[in-house]
Every structure is written in structure tokens, then in C-alpha cells.
């Protein structure tokens, strides 16, 4: 097998993480248990281990309070669970789901 040199990615912005990266794990567990009852307990337990709320600190490292970061953390949980739950859903059914959520 021929070895190839792959360049290390370089981005034009600094790598930063906000000060609240570890702050939402208890809330994440409560959100998952309270808002996603339609998922099995085993599934909810699995998602709690993913650290989805920590990603919010990478998305908005300039947050100066937990209150600023909380909606982003909660959105990360919702977006991931929604995407995983409906990933094989046909487009026409997904449009109905979208319309139900939005209207």
C-alpha cells in the first residue's frame, strides 16, 4: 500500500472553547429524560454519554454567561436526536413533520 502525506488542516480562525463547556451535563440529562420520552430508556442513556452540550462551547466560545449558551446547548441536543430519529424518513413524510413543528 502506498503511503500518502495528508496535510494537517489549517483554519484562518483560532481554536477556542468557551468557559462553560462542562456546565450543562445535568441539564442535558434532564432535557433528554423529560423531552424525549418516546425514545427507549437505553437510547436516552446512550445519548446522555455523547456530550452533545459540550459542542455548544465550541460553537459560541465568546459566551460570557451560561444563559447565553443554554439555548445553543439545548439546540444541539434537539438537532442531533431529531436527525438520528428521522434519518431514514422519506422526504414527503419529513415535510409533514416539519410543517407540524413549524405551524
Protein backbone atom coordinates (compact mmCIF):
# COMPACT_ATOMS: atom_id res chain seq x y z
CA UNK A 1 0.00 0.00 0.00
CA UNK A 2 1.35 3.40 -1.00
CA UNK A 3 1.56 5.89 1.87
CA UNK A 4 0.31 9.38 1.18
CA UNK A 5 1.09 12.55 3.03
CA UNK A 6 -2.08 14.30 4.09
CA UNK A 7 -1.63 17.92 5.13
CA UNK A 8 -2.84 18.99 8.56
CA UNK A 9 -5.86 21.21 8.21
CA UNK A 10 -5.27 24.87 8.98
CA UNK A 11 -8.12 27.28 9.59
CA UNK A 12 -7.94 31.09 9.48
CA UNK A 13 -9.54 31.40 12.92
CA UNK A 14 -8.28 30.47 16.37
CA UNK A 15 -9.23 27.22 18.09
CA UNK A 16 -11.18 28.23 21.17
CA UNK A 17 -13.56 26.66 23.61
CA UNK A 18 -15.79 28.64 25.93
CA UNK A 19 -15.51 28.54 29.71
CA UNK A 20 -18.82 26.67 30.17
CA UNK A 21 -18.01 23.52 28.20
CA UNK A 22 -18.65 21.21 31.17
CA UNK A 23 -21.60 23.14 32.61
CA UNK A 24 -24.67 21.54 31.07
CA UNK A 25 -24.37 17.79 31.62
CA UNK A 26 -27.00 17.67 34.40
CA UNK A 27 -29.40 19.79 32.37
CA UNK A 28 -28.73 17.67 29.28
CA UNK A 29 -29.77 14.54 31.17
CA UNK A 30 -32.96 16.24 32.36
CA UNK A 31 -33.79 17.53 28.87
CA UNK A 32 -33.31 14.10 27.36
CA UNK A 33 -35.36 12.34 30.04
CA UNK A 34 -38.16 14.93 30.07
CA UNK A 35 -38.47 15.83 26.38
CA UNK A 36 -37.66 12.58 24.59
CA UNK A 37 -39.87 10.06 26.38
CA UNK A 38 -40.77 8.50 23.02
CA UNK A 39 -37.25 7.05 22.92
CA UNK A 40 -36.38 3.99 24.96
CA UNK A 41 -34.51 4.42 28.21
CA UNK A 42 -31.50 2.63 26.71
CA UNK A 43 -31.45 5.08 23.80
CA UNK A 44 -31.73 8.08 26.09
CA UNK A 45 -28.90 6.72 28.25
CA UNK A 46 -26.73 6.37 25.15
CA UNK A 47 -27.34 9.98 24.10
CA UNK A 48 -26.50 11.28 27.56
CA UNK A 49 -22.97 9.89 27.11
CA UNK A 50 -22.36 11.75 23.83
CA UNK A 51 -21.58 15.11 25.39
CA UNK A 52 -23.72 16.98 22.90
CA UNK A 53 -23.97 20.04 25.12
CA UNK A 54 -20.20 20.45 25.13
CA UNK A 55 -20.29 21.23 21.40
CA UNK A 56 -22.11 24.47 22.20
CA UNK A 57 -18.93 25.86 23.78
CA UNK A 58 -17.07 25.28 20.52
CA UNK A 59 -19.86 26.91 18.51
CA UNK A 60 -20.01 30.04 20.68
CA UNK A 61 -16.78 30.34 22.67
CA UNK A 62 -17.40 34.05 23.32
CA UNK A 63 -20.43 33.38 25.53
CA UNK A 64 -19.92 35.29 28.74
CA UNK A 65 -22.74 33.64 30.69
CA UNK A 66 -24.34 30.22 30.88
CA UNK A 67 -27.65 31.84 29.97
CA UNK A 68 -26.24 32.89 26.60
CA UNK A 69 -25.04 29.37 25.89
CA UNK A 70 -28.03 27.36 27.17
CA UNK A 71 -30.21 27.74 24.01
CA UNK A 72 -27.33 26.59 21.81
CA UNK A 73 -26.66 23.61 24.08
CA UNK A 74 -30.32 22.65 24.05
CA UNK A 75 -30.48 23.06 20.26
CA UNK A 76 -27.51 20.70 19.86
CA UNK A 77 -29.40 18.01 21.78
CA UNK A 78 -32.60 18.54 19.80
CA UNK A 79 -30.86 18.69 16.42
CA UNK A 80 -28.86 15.50 16.98
CA UNK A 81 -31.78 13.47 18.32
CA UNK A 82 -34.12 14.77 15.62
CA UNK A 83 -31.60 13.97 12.88
CA UNK A 84 -30.92 10.48 14.20
CA UNK A 85 -34.59 9.70 14.79
CA UNK A 86 -35.73 10.77 11.31
CA UNK A 87 -32.63 9.97 9.26
CA UNK A 88 -34.31 7.31 7.10
CA UNK A 89 -37.65 9.08 6.87
CA UNK A 90 -38.92 9.63 3.29
CA UNK A 91 -38.84 13.27 2.17
CA UNK A 92 -42.62 13.56 1.79
CA UNK A 93 -43.17 12.37 5.38
CA UNK A 94 -40.40 14.63 6.66
CA UNK A 95 -42.14 17.63 5.07
CA UNK A 96 -45.28 16.77 7.07
CA UNK A 97 -43.22 16.57 10.27
CA UNK A 98 -41.55 19.90 9.51
CA UNK A 99 -44.90 21.54 8.89
CA UNK A 100 -46.28 20.15 12.16
CA UNK A 101 -43.33 21.57 14.09
CA UNK A 102 -43.33 24.95 12.38
CA UNK A 103 -47.05 25.71 12.24
